[in-house]
Every structure is written in structure tokens, then in C-alpha cells.
């Protein structure tokens, strides 16, 4: 029963994070072309603030449930199948990229927005977009590995 709860919670946290990146990159970003400056950068500041609160929660849930399942279900890294090792590595990479995004370009975006320096804030958006694009691709790959990895025959 605990395994089912951990797995479901793990999956929901991944959906929130990866789905949010997909929405932001594929739907929200192209839709902002109808806005006039500085409205897009103001909106990004608000959207990212709200979304990043969910990402922090998702990361905590993913780490706790992932390591719990790894230890309780598989008995640790040495007994875990290869696809879980790949997921683990990709997950750590995603977290590292998110930390960089949050503390560097997003930190500069927040500071610039607080000072009403919209050109400086807008300069951070392409940096954030690239990191989100990379993390989105990694997240989608991780989802494919998580859903199909157990069926690989190596």
C-alpha cells in the first residue's frame, strides 16, 4: 500500500513540474506576443513566482518518494534496475538546472522587477526559457523512461 501511495505521489509531482514547463513553453510563451512591453515581463514574473512554489514542492516530493521507493522496494541502488539509475541521474540534473535557474536568472528577474527595471528583467527571460527548454526535454525523457523502462530488455 505504501508503495502505491509513494508511486502515485511521485508521478503527480512529476506531472506538475514537467506539465507546468510544457504549458509555459508551448502555450503561454507564444500567447504573450499579444501583450505590449512591459506587460510580458511582468506577467512572467508573476507566473514564475506561482509556478516555482509548486516546483519546490514537487522536488521535495520527488526526492522523498523516489529515495523511499529505491530503498524500501528495491533495497537500495545496488539492486535497482538500470532504468531507475538513469531516472535518478536525470532527476538530479533537472534539480541542479532548476536551482541554477531559480537562484541566478530568476533571482535577477525578481530583483529587476522589484526595481521596475523592465529592460534588465526582460534580459533574463531568454536565459530562463533556455533552461526550461532543456529541463522540459530531460523531464519528458525521464517520464518515458519511468513509464517504459521496466519493459526494456538489456
C-alpha atoms as a PDB file:
ATOM      1  CA  UNK A   1       0.000   0.000   0.000  1.00  0.00           C
ATOM      2  CA  UNK A   2       2.768   2.459   0.883  1.00  0.00           C
ATOM      3  CA  UNK A   3       4.499   1.713  -2.395  1.00  0.00           C
ATOM      4  CA  UNK A   4       1.323   2.577  -4.341  1.00  0.00           C
ATOM      5  CA  UNK A   5       0.958   5.858  -2.437  1.00  0.00           C
ATOM      6  CA  UNK A   6       4.629   6.761  -2.959  1.00  0.00           C
ATOM      7  CA  UNK A   7       4.500   5.887  -6.652  1.00  0.00           C
ATOM      8  CA  UNK A   8       1.280   7.850  -7.235  1.00  0.00           C
ATOM      9  CA  UNK A   9       2.564  10.868  -5.322  1.00  0.00           C
ATOM     10  CA  UNK A  10       5.870  10.683  -7.196  1.00  0.00           C
ATOM     11  CA  UNK A  11       4.026  10.620 -10.518  1.00  0.00           C
ATOM     12  CA  UNK A  12       1.771  13.544  -9.589  1.00  0.00           C
ATOM     13  CA  UNK A  13       4.766  15.665  -8.558  1.00  0.00           C
ATOM     14  CA  UNK A  14       6.482  14.891 -11.877  1.00  0.00           C
ATOM     15  CA  UNK A  15       3.318  15.769 -13.816  1.00  0.00           C
ATOM     16  CA  UNK A  16       3.037  19.117 -12.011  1.00  0.00           C
ATOM     17  CA  UNK A  17       6.657  20.049 -12.755  1.00  0.00           C
ATOM     18  CA  UNK A  18       7.013  18.748 -16.310  1.00  0.00           C
ATOM     19  CA  UNK A  19       3.452  19.647 -17.297  1.00  0.00           C
ATOM     20  CA  UNK A  20       3.939  23.170 -15.998  1.00  0.00           C
ATOM     21  CA  UNK A  21       7.089  23.572 -18.079  1.00  0.00           C
ATOM     22  CA  UNK A  22       5.303  22.230 -21.150  1.00  0.00           C
ATOM     23  CA  UNK A  23       2.407  24.662 -20.662  1.00  0.00           C
ATOM     24  CA  UNK A  24       4.715  27.631 -20.073  1.00  0.00           C
ATOM     25  CA  UNK A  25       6.917  26.859 -23.057  1.00  0.00           C
ATOM     26  CA  UNK A  26       4.388  25.629 -25.602  1.00  0.00           C
ATOM     27  CA  UNK A  27       1.216  27.591 -24.725  1.00  0.00           C
ATOM     28  CA  UNK A  28       1.908  30.614 -22.535  1.00  0.00           C
ATOM     29  CA  UNK A  29       5.098  31.864 -24.198  1.00  0.00           C
ATOM     30  CA  UNK A  30       3.665  32.011 -27.757  1.00  0.00           C
ATOM     31  CA  UNK A  31       0.473  33.624 -26.447  1.00  0.00           C
ATOM     32  CA  UNK A  32       2.332  36.546 -24.902  1.00  0.00           C
ATOM     33  CA  UNK A  33       3.024  38.115 -28.289  1.00  0.00           C
ATOM     34  CA  UNK A  34      -0.289  39.994 -27.999  1.00  0.00           C
ATOM     35  CA  UNK A  35       0.999  41.902 -24.955  1.00  0.00           C
ATOM     36  CA  UNK A  36       2.894  45.183 -25.134  1.00  0.00           C
ATOM     37  CA  UNK A  37       6.045  45.828 -23.095  1.00  0.00           C
ATOM     38  CA  UNK A  38       6.496  45.754 -20.140  1.00  0.00           C
ATOM     39  CA  UNK A  39       3.427  43.555 -19.633  1.00  0.00           C
ATOM     40  CA  UNK A  40       5.033  40.267 -20.783  1.00  0.00           C
ATOM     41  CA  UNK A  41       7.909  40.518 -18.342  1.00  0.00           C
ATOM     42  CA  UNK A  42       5.543  41.487 -15.517  1.00  0.00           C
ATOM     43  CA  UNK A  43       3.348  38.501 -16.329  1.00  0.00           C
ATOM     44  CA  UNK A  44       6.359  36.161 -16.483  1.00  0.00           C
ATOM     45  CA  UNK A  45       7.441  37.402 -13.068  1.00  0.00           C
ATOM     46  CA  UNK A  46       4.036  36.566 -11.588  1.00  0.00           C
ATOM     47  CA  UNK A  47       3.652  33.241 -13.435  1.00  0.00           C
ATOM     48  CA  UNK A  48       7.130  32.049 -12.477  1.00  0.00           C
ATOM     49  CA  UNK A  49       6.639  33.062  -8.849  1.00  0.00           C
ATOM     50  CA  UNK A  50       3.469  30.955  -8.642  1.00  0.00           C
ATOM     51  CA  UNK A  51       4.848  28.032 -10.644  1.00  0.00           C
ATOM     52  CA  UNK A  52       8.148  27.879  -8.767  1.00  0.00           C
ATOM     53  CA  UNK A  53       6.323  27.419  -5.466  1.00  0.00           C
ATOM     54  CA  UNK A  54       4.851  24.246  -6.984  1.00  0.00           C
ATOM     55  CA  UNK A  55       8.235  23.184  -8.367  1.00  0.00           C
ATOM     56  CA  UNK A  56       9.826  23.409  -4.911  1.00  0.00           C
ATOM     57  CA  UNK A  57       7.046  21.223  -3.503  1.00  0.00           C
ATOM     58  CA  UNK A  58       7.404  18.821  -6.450  1.00  0.00           C
ATOM     59  CA  UNK A  59      11.154  18.494  -5.908  1.00  0.00           C
ATOM     60  CA  UNK A  60      10.679  17.696  -2.221  1.00  0.00           C
ATOM     61  CA  UNK A  61       8.030  15.078  -3.014  1.00  0.00           C
ATOM     62  CA  UNK A  62      10.059  13.566  -5.872  1.00  0.00           C
ATOM     63  CA  UNK A  63      13.202  13.235  -3.767  1.00  0.00           C
ATOM     64  CA  UNK A  64      11.427  11.813  -0.719  1.00  0.00           C
ATOM     65  CA  UNK A  65       9.255   9.340  -2.614  1.00  0.00           C
ATOM     66  CA  UNK A  66      11.993   8.399  -5.071  1.00  0.00           C
ATOM     67  CA  UNK A  67      14.542   7.536  -2.410  1.00  0.00           C
ATOM     68  CA  UNK A  68      11.908   5.830  -0.269  1.00  0.00           C
ATOM     69  CA  UNK A  69      10.915   3.566  -3.176  1.00  0.00           C
ATOM     70  CA  UNK A  70      14.540   2.929  -4.061  1.00  0.00           C
ATOM     71  CA  UNK A  71      15.317   1.811  -0.517  1.00  0.00           C
ATOM     72  CA  UNK A  72      12.056   0.173   0.573  1.00  0.00           C
ATOM     73  CA  UNK A  73      11.082  -1.520  -2.681  1.00  0.00           C
ATOM     74  CA  UNK A  74      14.440  -2.309  -4.285  1.00  0.00           C
ATOM     75  CA  UNK A  75      16.701  -2.455  -1.231  1.00  0.00           C
ATOM     76  CA  UNK A  76      18.995   0.294  -2.474  1.00  0.00           C
ATOM     77  CA  UNK A  77      20.967   1.282  -5.534  1.00  0.00           C
ATOM     78  CA  UNK A  78      22.800  -1.998  -5.971  1.00  0.00           C
ATOM     79  CA  UNK A  79      19.567  -3.951  -6.548  1.00  0.00           C
ATOM     80  CA  UNK A  80      17.723  -1.307  -8.560  1.00  0.00           C
ATOM     81  CA  UNK A  81      17.232  -1.854 -12.302  1.00  0.00           C
ATOM     82  CA  UNK A  82      19.263   0.221 -14.754  1.00  0.00           C
ATOM     83  CA  UNK A  83      16.349   2.422 -15.788  1.00  0.00           C
ATOM     84  CA  UNK A  84      15.978   3.665 -12.188  1.00  0.00           C
ATOM     85  CA  UNK A  85      19.646   4.671 -12.156  1.00  0.00           C
ATOM     86  CA  UNK A  86      19.058   6.633 -15.365  1.00  0.00           C
ATOM     87  CA  UNK A  87      15.960   8.281 -13.907  1.00  0.00           C
ATOM     88  CA  UNK A  88      17.886   9.138 -10.750  1.00  0.00           C
ATOM     89  CA  UNK A  89      20.717  10.785 -12.686  1.00  0.00           C
ATOM     90  CA  UNK A  90      18.353  12.731 -14.935  1.00  0.00           C
ATOM     91  CA  UNK A  91      16.313  13.817 -11.914  1.00  0.00           C
ATOM     92  CA  UNK A  92      19.415  15.152 -10.160  1.00  0.00           C
ATOM     93  CA  UNK A  93      20.382  17.001 -13.348  1.00  0.00           C
ATOM     94  CA  UNK A  94      16.907  18.544 -13.536  1.00  0.00           C
ATOM     95  CA  UNK A  95      17.127  19.679  -9.924  1.00  0.00           C
ATOM     96  CA  UNK A  96      20.581  21.202 -10.487  1.00  0.00           C
ATOM     97  CA  UNK A  97      19.328  23.083 -13.553  1.00  0.00           C
ATOM     98  CA  UNK A  98      16.306  24.300 -11.603  1.00  0.00           C
ATOM     99  CA  UNK A  99      18.494  25.527  -8.729  1.00  0.00           C
ATOM    100  CA  UNK A 100      20.613  27.481 -11.213  1.00  0.00           C
ATOM    101  CA  UNK A 101      17.512  28.885 -12.913  1.00  0.00           C
ATOM    102  CA  UNK A 102      15.907  29.877  -9.607  1.00  0.00           C
ATOM    103  CA  UNK A 103      18.925  31.461  -7.936  1.00  0.00           C
ATOM    104  CA  UNK A 104      20.604  33.057 -10.993  1.00  0.00           C
ATOM    105  CA  UNK A 105      18.398  34.305 -13.874  1.00  0.00           C
ATOM    106  CA  UNK A 106      15.133  34.194 -11.928  1.00  0.00           C
ATOM    107  CA  UNK A 107      16.795  35.895  -8.955  1.00  0.00           C
ATOM    108  CA  UNK A 108      17.977  38.679 -11.291  1.00  0.00           C
ATOM    109  CA  UNK A 109      14.497  38.866 -12.853  1.00  0.00           C
ATOM    110  CA  UNK A 110      12.856  39.329  -9.438  1.00  0.00           C
ATOM    111  CA  UNK A 111      15.398  41.961  -8.415  1.00  0.00           C
ATOM    112  CA  UNK A 112      14.940  43.890 -11.663  1.00  0.00           C
ATOM    113  CA  UNK A 113      11.141  43.719 -11.409  1.00  0.00           C
ATOM    114  CA  UNK A 114      11.255  44.992  -7.818  1.00  0.00           C
ATOM    115  CA  UNK A 115      13.254  47.995  -9.092  1.00  0.00           C
ATOM    116  CA  UNK A 116      10.894  48.486 -12.080  1.00  0.00           C
ATOM    117  CA  UNK A 117      13.903  47.904 -14.357  1.00  0.00           C
ATOM    118  CA  UNK A 118      11.948  46.182 -17.105  1.00  0.00           C
ATOM    119  CA  UNK A 119      14.769  46.006 -19.688  1.00  0.00           C
ATOM    120  CA  UNK A 120      17.019  44.215 -17.169  1.00  0.00           C
ATOM    121  CA  UNK A 121      14.152  41.904 -16.225  1.00  0.00           C
ATOM    122  CA  UNK A 122      13.363  41.188 -19.876  1.00  0.00           C
ATOM    123  CA  UNK A 123      17.026  40.266 -20.463  1.00  0.00           C
ATOM    124  CA  UNK A 124      16.599  37.294 -18.103  1.00  0.00           C
ATOM    125  CA  UNK A 125      13.634  35.779 -19.958  1.00  0.00           C
ATOM    126  CA  UNK A 126      15.674  34.169 -22.797  1.00  0.00           C
ATOM    127  CA  UNK A 127      18.046  32.630 -20.230  1.00  0.00           C
ATOM    128  CA  UNK A 128      15.113  31.223 -18.280  1.00  0.00           C
ATOM    129  CA  UNK A 129      13.497  29.990 -21.499  1.00  0.00           C
ATOM    130  CA  UNK A 130      16.611  28.005 -22.490  1.00  0.00           C
ATOM    131  CA  UNK A 131      16.927  26.349 -19.106  1.00  0.00           C
ATOM    132  CA  UNK A 132      13.219  25.494 -19.110  1.00  0.00           C
ATOM    133  CA  UNK A 133      13.515  24.057 -22.630  1.00  0.00           C
ATOM    134  CA  UNK A 134      16.426  21.844 -21.585  1.00  0.00           C
ATOM    135  CA  UNK A 135      14.700  20.753 -18.390  1.00  0.00           C
ATOM    136  CA  UNK A 136      11.489  20.067 -20.292  1.00  0.00           C
ATOM    137  CA  UNK A 137      13.308  17.731 -22.693  1.00  0.00           C
ATOM    138  CA  UNK A 138      15.014  15.947 -19.796  1.00  0.00           C
ATOM    139  CA  UNK A 139      11.703  15.714 -17.934  1.00  0.00           C
ATOM    140  CA  UNK A 140       9.901  14.237 -20.926  1.00  0.00           C
ATOM    141  CA  UNK A 141      12.721  11.732 -21.414  1.00  0.00           C
ATOM    142  CA  UNK A 142      12.548  10.844 -17.726  1.00  0.00           C
ATOM    143  CA  UNK A 143       8.787  10.310 -17.986  1.00  0.00           C
ATOM    144  CA  UNK A 144       9.296   7.974 -20.949  1.00  0.00           C
ATOM    145  CA  UNK A 145      11.985   6.072 -19.075  1.00  0.00           C
ATOM    146  CA  UNK A 146       9.837   5.857 -15.947  1.00  0.00           C
ATOM    147  CA  UNK A 147       6.822   4.548 -17.806  1.00  0.00           C
ATOM    148  CA  UNK A 148       8.601   2.173 -20.174  1.00  0.00           C
ATOM    149  CA  UNK A 149      11.956   1.397 -18.600  1.00  0.00           C
ATOM    150  CA  UNK A 150      10.803  -1.709 -16.784  1.00  0.00           C
ATOM    151  CA  UNK A 151       9.934  -3.251 -20.165  1.00  0.00           C
ATOM    152  CA  UNK A 152      13.358  -2.739 -21.696  1.00  0.00           C
ATOM    153  CA  UNK A 153      15.311  -5.916 -22.279  1.00  0.00           C
ATOM    154  CA  UNK A 154      19.011  -5.291 -21.826  1.00  0.00           C
END
